[in-house]
Amino acid sequence: MNPSTLKRIQEIYRLWKPVYPYLAHHILEYYDRQDGNILEIGPFCGVLFALDEMKIGASFSIATFPSEMVDFFREETKNRSVQEKIRVIETDSSLNGFEENDIDLAIFRGAFFFPSLFQVNLARICHILRPGGVAFVGGGFGKFTPDFIIRDIGERSRDLNLQIGKAEIRKEELWQEVQAISGKGRVELISEGGLWVLMKK
């Protein structure tokens, strides 16, 4: 990945800091627990830090890629003094290094919208979920983020996303993709607050 793309992804992380707590509340509508093994996937992480601050989860991992983002998130855990609590693991979209039935909540923000950067492996995400586990995969501000925050960051966020190759995807296209794994768990599309795939194992 070229340095300019990495800088833009890192700027998106910083730009979205006000959003993460609100998006976490949206996810918690579907993850009705206080404990569990929580995993955030990809280069667009950040919600996991909000969940930790909210005292949700018993263990935490960031599975990030490309390799340059590993150092970025490790530095962020140090800045937040949570490096002993949150593991940062280098992987790819196939989630090598994670076992079956390992994760209670998986979050993958930015999924589906950046096919030039990575491909989303929904079957693999379902594979690593424990029975009863939940995955929240997709993109958007979530339904609880206030309008003033969206107004403040929306234009810059949109510009950065386009610069790193964001593609539009229609609900119908995404649903066709989701059907391929529908036999492995309950799957539904959520279009409130973005476009998300909710998987329950």
Protein backbone atom coordinates (compact mmCIF):
# COMPACT_ATOMS: atom_id res chain seq x y z
CA MET A 1 0.00 0.00 0.00
CA ASN A 2 1.43 3.38 -0.93
CA PRO A 3 2.28 5.93 1.78
CA SER A 4 -0.39 8.44 0.74
CA THR A 5 -3.15 5.82 1.10
CA LEU A 6 -1.85 4.86 4.54
CA LYS A 7 -1.82 8.49 5.66
CA ARG A 8 -5.41 8.90 4.52
CA ILE A 9 -6.54 5.77 6.37
CA GLN A 10 -4.83 7.03 9.50
CA GLU A 11 -6.49 10.42 9.10
CA ILE A 12 -9.86 8.69 8.82
CA TYR A 13 -9.15 6.96 12.14
CA ARG A 14 -8.48 10.29 13.85
CA LEU A 15 -11.37 12.04 12.11
CA TRP A 16 -13.83 9.38 13.26
CA LYS A 17 -12.86 9.40 16.95
CA PRO A 18 -16.07 11.28 17.92
CA VAL A 19 -18.12 8.64 16.08
CA TYR A 20 -16.78 5.48 17.70
CA PRO A 21 -18.74 5.70 20.99
CA TYR A 22 -22.02 6.23 19.12
CA LEU A 23 -21.30 3.43 16.69
CA ALA A 24 -20.47 1.20 19.65
CA HIS A 25 -23.94 1.88 21.08
CA HIS A 26 -25.48 0.83 17.77
CA ILE A 27 -23.53 -2.44 17.79
CA LEU A 28 -24.54 -3.11 21.39
CA GLU A 29 -28.17 -3.27 20.30
CA TYR A 30 -27.23 -6.61 18.75
CA TYR A 31 -24.51 -7.71 21.18
CA ASP A 32 -26.45 -7.87 24.41
CA ARG A 33 -23.54 -8.78 26.68
CA GLN A 34 -20.98 -7.14 28.94
CA ASP A 35 -18.24 -9.77 28.50
CA GLY A 36 -16.77 -11.82 25.69
CA ASN A 37 -13.83 -11.96 23.33
CA ILE A 38 -14.09 -8.92 21.04
CA LEU A 39 -12.28 -8.56 17.73
CA GLU A 40 -12.05 -5.60 15.36
CA ILE A 41 -10.89 -6.31 11.82
CA GLY A 42 -9.21 -4.36 9.05
CA PRO A 43 -7.47 -1.02 8.58
CA PHE A 44 -10.47 1.03 9.77
CA CYS A 45 -10.53 0.09 13.44
CA GLY A 46 -11.43 2.29 16.42
CA VAL A 47 -14.77 1.10 17.79
CA LEU A 48 -13.02 -1.45 20.00
CA PHE A 49 -11.38 1.35 22.00
CA ALA A 50 -14.82 2.81 22.74
CA LEU A 51 -16.14 -0.59 23.86
CA ASP A 52 -13.19 -0.96 26.21
CA GLU A 53 -13.88 2.46 27.73
CA MET A 54 -17.52 1.42 28.18
CA LYS A 55 -16.35 -1.71 30.08
CA ILE A 56 -17.78 -4.01 27.41
CA GLY A 57 -15.75 -7.15 26.76
CA ALA A 58 -13.34 -9.37 28.64
CA SER A 59 -10.57 -9.60 26.03
CA PHE A 60 -9.76 -7.53 22.96
CA SER A 61 -7.90 -7.99 19.68
CA ILE A 62 -7.33 -5.83 16.63
CA ALA A 63 -6.69 -7.91 13.50
CA THR A 64 -5.33 -5.32 11.13
CA PHE A 65 -3.75 -5.05 7.70
CA PRO A 66 -1.71 -3.98 5.80
CA SER A 67 1.42 -4.45 7.92
CA GLU A 68 1.98 -0.69 8.30
CA MET A 69 -1.30 -0.41 10.22
CA VAL A 70 -0.01 -2.86 12.81
CA ASP A 71 2.59 -0.38 14.03
CA PHE A 72 0.03 2.43 13.88
CA PHE A 73 -2.46 0.64 16.15
CA ARG A 74 0.23 -0.64 18.48
CA GLU A 75 1.33 2.94 18.97
CA GLU A 76 -2.28 3.94 19.58
CA THR A 77 -2.69 1.29 22.29
CA LYS A 78 0.43 2.70 23.97
CA ASN A 79 -0.91 6.24 23.74
CA ARG A 80 -4.10 5.03 25.42
CA SER A 81 -2.16 2.90 27.97
CA VAL A 82 -4.06 -0.23 26.93
CA GLN A 83 -1.21 -2.13 25.27
CA GLU A 84 -1.40 -4.82 27.96
CA LYS A 85 -5.12 -5.28 27.38
CA ILE A 86 -5.59 -4.99 23.60
CA ARG A 87 -3.64 -7.28 21.29
CA VAL A 88 -2.76 -5.93 17.85
CA ILE A 89 -2.26 -8.78 15.40
CA GLU A 90 -1.04 -8.62 11.82
CA THR A 91 -3.23 -10.68 9.51
CA ASP A 92 -5.22 -10.25 6.30
CA SER A 93 -8.86 -10.43 5.30
CA SER A 94 -8.76 -14.25 5.58
CA LEU A 95 -8.01 -13.80 9.31
CA ASN A 96 -5.10 -16.20 9.42
CA GLY A 97 -4.13 -16.93 13.00
CA PHE A 98 -7.67 -17.10 14.38
CA GLU A 99 -9.30 -20.38 15.29
CA GLU A 100 -12.83 -21.62 14.82
CA ASN A 101 -15.28 -20.66 17.57
CA ASP A 102 -12.90 -18.09 19.07
CA ILE A 103 -14.71 -14.73 18.93
CA ASP A 104 -17.91 -13.49 20.57
CA LEU A 105 -18.16 -10.14 18.75
CA ALA A 106 -16.43 -9.30 15.47
CA ILE A 107 -16.54 -5.79 13.99
CA PHE A 108 -15.33 -4.98 10.48
CA ARG A 109 -15.88 -1.33 9.57
CA GLY A 110 -15.22 -0.27 5.99
CA ALA A 111 -15.93 -3.76 4.70
CA PHE A 112 -17.31 -4.22 1.14
CA PHE A 113 -16.53 -0.64 0.11
CA PHE A 114 -12.82 -0.94 -0.71
CA PRO A 115 -12.41 -3.88 -3.11
CA SER A 116 -9.13 -2.43 -4.44
CA LEU A 117 -7.63 -2.69 -0.93
CA PHE A 118 -9.00 -6.03 0.34
CA GLN A 119 -11.72 -8.63 -0.12
CA VAL A 120 -14.10 -9.45 2.74
CA ASN A 121 -14.33 -13.13 3.63
CA LEU A 122 -17.71 -13.45 5.35
CA ALA A 123 -17.48 -17.22 5.60
CA ARG A 124 -14.19 -16.90 7.47
CA ILE A 125 -15.67 -14.33 9.86
CA CYS A 126 -18.54 -16.70 10.57
CA HIS A 127 -16.04 -19.53 11.07
CA ILE A 128 -14.20 -17.75 13.90
CA LEU A 129 -17.40 -16.76 15.73
CA ARG A 130 -18.38 -18.81 18.74
CA PRO A 131 -21.90 -20.26 18.87
CA GLY A 132 -24.07 -17.32 19.88
CA GLY A 133 -21.47 -14.89 18.56
CA VAL A 134 -22.25 -11.77 16.55
CA ALA A 135 -20.49 -10.05 13.65
CA PHE A 136 -21.22 -6.47 12.56
CA VAL A 137 -19.69 -5.98 9.12
CA GLY A 138 -20.10 -3.01 6.80
CA GLY A 139 -19.90 0.73 6.97
CA GLY A 140 -21.61 3.91 8.08
CA PHE A 141 -21.97 6.29 10.99
CA GLY A 142 -24.43 4.10 12.89
CA LYS A 143 -27.87 5.30 13.83
CA PHE A 144 -26.92 7.14 17.03
CA THR A 145 -24.21 9.50 15.76
CA PRO A 146 -25.54 13.07 16.09
CA ASP A 147 -26.12 15.10 12.94
CA PHE A 148 -23.67 17.79 14.06
CA ILE A 149 -20.80 15.26 14.13
CA ILE A 150 -21.75 13.94 10.71
CA ARG A 151 -21.84 17.51 9.38
CA ASP A 152 -18.46 18.30 10.93
CA ILE A 153 -16.60 15.35 9.45
CA GLY A 154 -18.81 14.15 6.60
CA GLU A 155 -17.27 16.05 3.71
CA ARG A 156 -13.66 15.34 4.67
CA SER A 157 -14.47 11.71 5.39
CA ARG A 158 -16.15 11.33 2.00
CA ASP A 159 -13.17 12.93 0.21
CA LEU A 160 -10.67 10.67 1.98
CA ASN A 161 -12.72 7.57 1.27
CA LEU A 162 -12.93 8.40 -2.43
CA GLN A 163 -9.20 9.08 -2.57
CA ILE A 164 -8.43 5.60 -1.23
CA GLY A 165 -10.84 3.92 -3.62
CA LYS A 166 -14.25 3.70 -2.00
CA ALA A 167 -16.79 2.03 -4.25
CA GLU A 168 -20.56 2.14 -3.98
CA ILE A 169 -22.41 -1.10 -3.36
CA ARG A 170 -26.15 -1.61 -3.62
CA LYS A 171 -28.13 -3.52 -1.03
CA GLU A 172 -29.18 -6.03 -3.68
CA GLU A 173 -25.57 -6.78 -4.64
CA LEU A 174 -24.53 -7.17 -1.04
CA TRP A 175 -27.46 -9.47 -0.28
CA GLN A 176 -26.44 -11.76 -3.14
CA GLU A 177 -22.97 -11.99 -1.64
CA VAL A 178 -24.40 -12.68 1.81
CA GLN A 179 -26.57 -15.53 0.54
CA ALA A 180 -23.47 -17.63 -0.04
CA ILE A 181 -22.94 -18.02 3.72
CA SER A 182 -26.55 -17.91 4.89
CA GLY A 183 -26.48 -21.62 5.72
CA LYS A 184 -23.77 -21.12 8.33
CA GLY A 185 -25.77 -18.80 10.58
CA ARG A 186 -28.48 -16.18 10.67
CA VAL A 187 -27.68 -13.25 8.43
CA GLU A 188 -29.51 -9.99 7.83
CA LEU A 189 -28.86 -6.60 6.26
CA ILE A 190 -29.14 -3.43 8.30
CA SER A 191 -29.52 -0.21 6.32
CA GLU A 192 -30.15 2.07 9.28
CA GLY A 193 -27.05 4.14 9.99
CA GLY A 194 -25.16 2.81 6.98
CA LEU A 195 -25.09 -0.58 5.29
CA TRP A 196 -24.18 -3.47 7.54
CA VAL A 197 -24.29 -7.25 7.51
CA LEU A 198 -25.31 -8.70 10.86
CA MET A 199 -24.31 -12.32 11.39
CA LYS A 200 -25.36 -14.44 14.36
CA LYS A 201 -23.93 -17.90 14.80
